[in-house]
């Protein structure tokens, strides 16, 4: 019984590495100015209303109403939105591959 309780408690405590990754992703979303257009949970100053809210983004089926919502597609959209939808208002912010992957992982974790 005691081992089960210890395991249950350990599973409910967030891993420090996971917290650090989320903190870094939130900082990247802020630094690239994503919150100027979007509402993004737990990202400072992310109160924009030009683009769609990104709350519960991970539960969405599609990205930009076009691509299935998976990591690779979201990274592609973050890095080069007009390659997905030439008419999108989302600008190319010059996000590199590594940063886009970190940002995508955070956004897809929002449920």
Protein backbone atom coordinates (compact mmCIF):
# COMPACT_ATOMS: atom_id res chain seq x y z
CA UNK A 1 0.00 0.00 0.00
CA UNK A 2 2.79 2.42 0.87
CA UNK A 3 4.61 1.90 -2.44
CA UNK A 4 1.39 2.64 -4.32
CA UNK A 5 0.93 5.90 -2.41
CA UNK A 6 4.51 7.00 -3.09
CA UNK A 7 4.09 6.21 -6.79
CA UNK A 8 0.78 8.07 -6.95
CA UNK A 9 2.29 11.14 -5.30
CA UNK A 10 5.35 11.05 -7.56
CA UNK A 11 3.14 10.94 -10.66
CA UNK A 12 1.21 14.01 -9.56
CA UNK A 13 4.30 16.17 -9.06
CA UNK A 14 5.42 17.89 -12.28
CA UNK A 15 8.93 17.04 -13.37
CA UNK A 16 11.34 19.98 -13.06
CA UNK A 17 12.56 19.42 -16.64
CA UNK A 18 9.02 19.59 -17.98
CA UNK A 19 8.39 22.80 -16.04
CA UNK A 20 11.60 24.31 -17.39
CA UNK A 21 10.63 23.39 -20.97
CA UNK A 22 7.21 25.02 -20.54
CA UNK A 23 8.80 28.12 -19.02
CA UNK A 24 11.18 28.37 -21.98
CA UNK A 25 8.35 27.92 -24.50
CA UNK A 26 6.25 30.60 -22.78
CA UNK A 27 9.23 32.95 -22.89
CA UNK A 28 9.74 32.25 -26.60
CA UNK A 29 6.08 32.92 -27.34
CA UNK A 30 6.42 36.23 -25.53
CA UNK A 31 9.73 37.18 -27.18
CA UNK A 32 8.40 36.50 -30.68
CA UNK A 33 5.37 38.66 -29.90
CA UNK A 34 2.76 35.95 -30.39
CA UNK A 35 0.62 37.49 -27.67
CA UNK A 36 0.24 40.69 -29.70
CA UNK A 37 -2.31 38.84 -31.82
CA UNK A 38 -3.28 35.79 -29.72
CA UNK A 39 -4.50 35.01 -26.22
CA UNK A 40 -2.17 32.34 -24.86
CA UNK A 41 -2.60 30.83 -21.39
CA UNK A 42 0.21 31.55 -18.94
CA UNK A 43 2.16 33.72 -21.41
CA UNK A 44 2.78 37.23 -20.08
CA UNK A 45 1.06 39.97 -22.08
CA UNK A 46 -0.57 37.45 -24.45
CA UNK A 47 -3.94 39.17 -24.64
CA UNK A 48 -4.25 39.88 -28.37
CA UNK A 49 -7.54 39.52 -30.15
CA UNK A 50 -6.48 39.90 -33.79
CA UNK A 51 -5.79 36.18 -34.22
CA UNK A 52 -7.65 33.30 -32.63
CA UNK A 53 -7.22 32.47 -28.97
CA UNK A 54 -4.77 29.62 -28.51
CA UNK A 55 -6.47 28.35 -25.36
CA UNK A 56 -7.04 24.59 -25.61
CA UNK A 57 -5.02 24.55 -28.83
CA UNK A 58 -3.92 20.97 -28.25
CA UNK A 59 -7.52 19.79 -28.39
CA UNK A 60 -8.09 21.26 -31.84
CA UNK A 61 -8.29 19.02 -34.88
CA UNK A 62 -6.80 21.44 -37.40
CA UNK A 63 -4.19 24.17 -37.63
CA UNK A 64 -5.45 27.23 -39.51
CA UNK A 65 -8.47 25.17 -40.52
CA UNK A 66 -6.29 23.28 -43.02
CA UNK A 67 -3.59 21.03 -41.54
CA UNK A 68 -4.11 18.17 -39.08
CA UNK A 69 -2.92 19.30 -35.66
CA UNK A 70 0.36 17.47 -35.10
CA UNK A 71 3.85 18.63 -34.12
CA UNK A 72 5.38 18.69 -37.59
CA UNK A 73 2.49 20.61 -39.12
CA UNK A 74 2.45 23.15 -36.30
CA UNK A 75 6.20 23.68 -36.59
CA UNK A 76 5.75 24.25 -40.33
CA UNK A 77 2.95 26.76 -39.73
CA UNK A 78 4.91 28.65 -37.05
CA UNK A 79 7.99 28.87 -39.27
CA UNK A 80 6.31 29.66 -42.59
CA UNK A 81 2.59 30.35 -42.23
CA UNK A 82 2.10 31.44 -45.83
CA UNK A 83 3.35 28.09 -47.11
CA UNK A 84 0.23 26.64 -45.47
CA UNK A 85 -2.21 29.43 -46.30
CA UNK A 86 -1.03 32.18 -48.65
CA UNK A 87 -3.85 34.44 -47.44
CA UNK A 88 -3.12 34.14 -43.72
CA UNK A 89 -2.57 37.31 -41.75
CA UNK A 90 0.01 35.54 -39.60
CA UNK A 91 3.45 36.95 -40.38
CA UNK A 92 6.68 35.05 -40.82
CA UNK A 93 8.46 35.90 -37.56
CA UNK A 94 11.74 34.21 -38.45
CA UNK A 95 11.32 31.44 -35.88
CA UNK A 96 14.01 28.78 -36.17
CA UNK A 97 13.36 25.04 -36.14
CA UNK A 98 14.37 24.42 -32.52
CA UNK A 99 12.37 27.34 -31.14
CA UNK A 100 9.35 26.41 -33.27
CA UNK A 101 9.45 22.86 -31.89
CA UNK A 102 9.53 24.17 -28.32
CA UNK A 103 6.66 26.55 -28.98
CA UNK A 104 4.64 23.85 -30.75
CA UNK A 105 5.09 21.39 -27.88
CA UNK A 106 3.74 23.97 -25.43
CA UNK A 107 0.79 24.95 -27.60
CA UNK A 108 -0.15 21.32 -28.21
CA UNK A 109 -0.06 20.70 -24.44
CA UNK A 110 -2.89 23.20 -23.92
CA UNK A 111 -6.05 21.17 -23.37
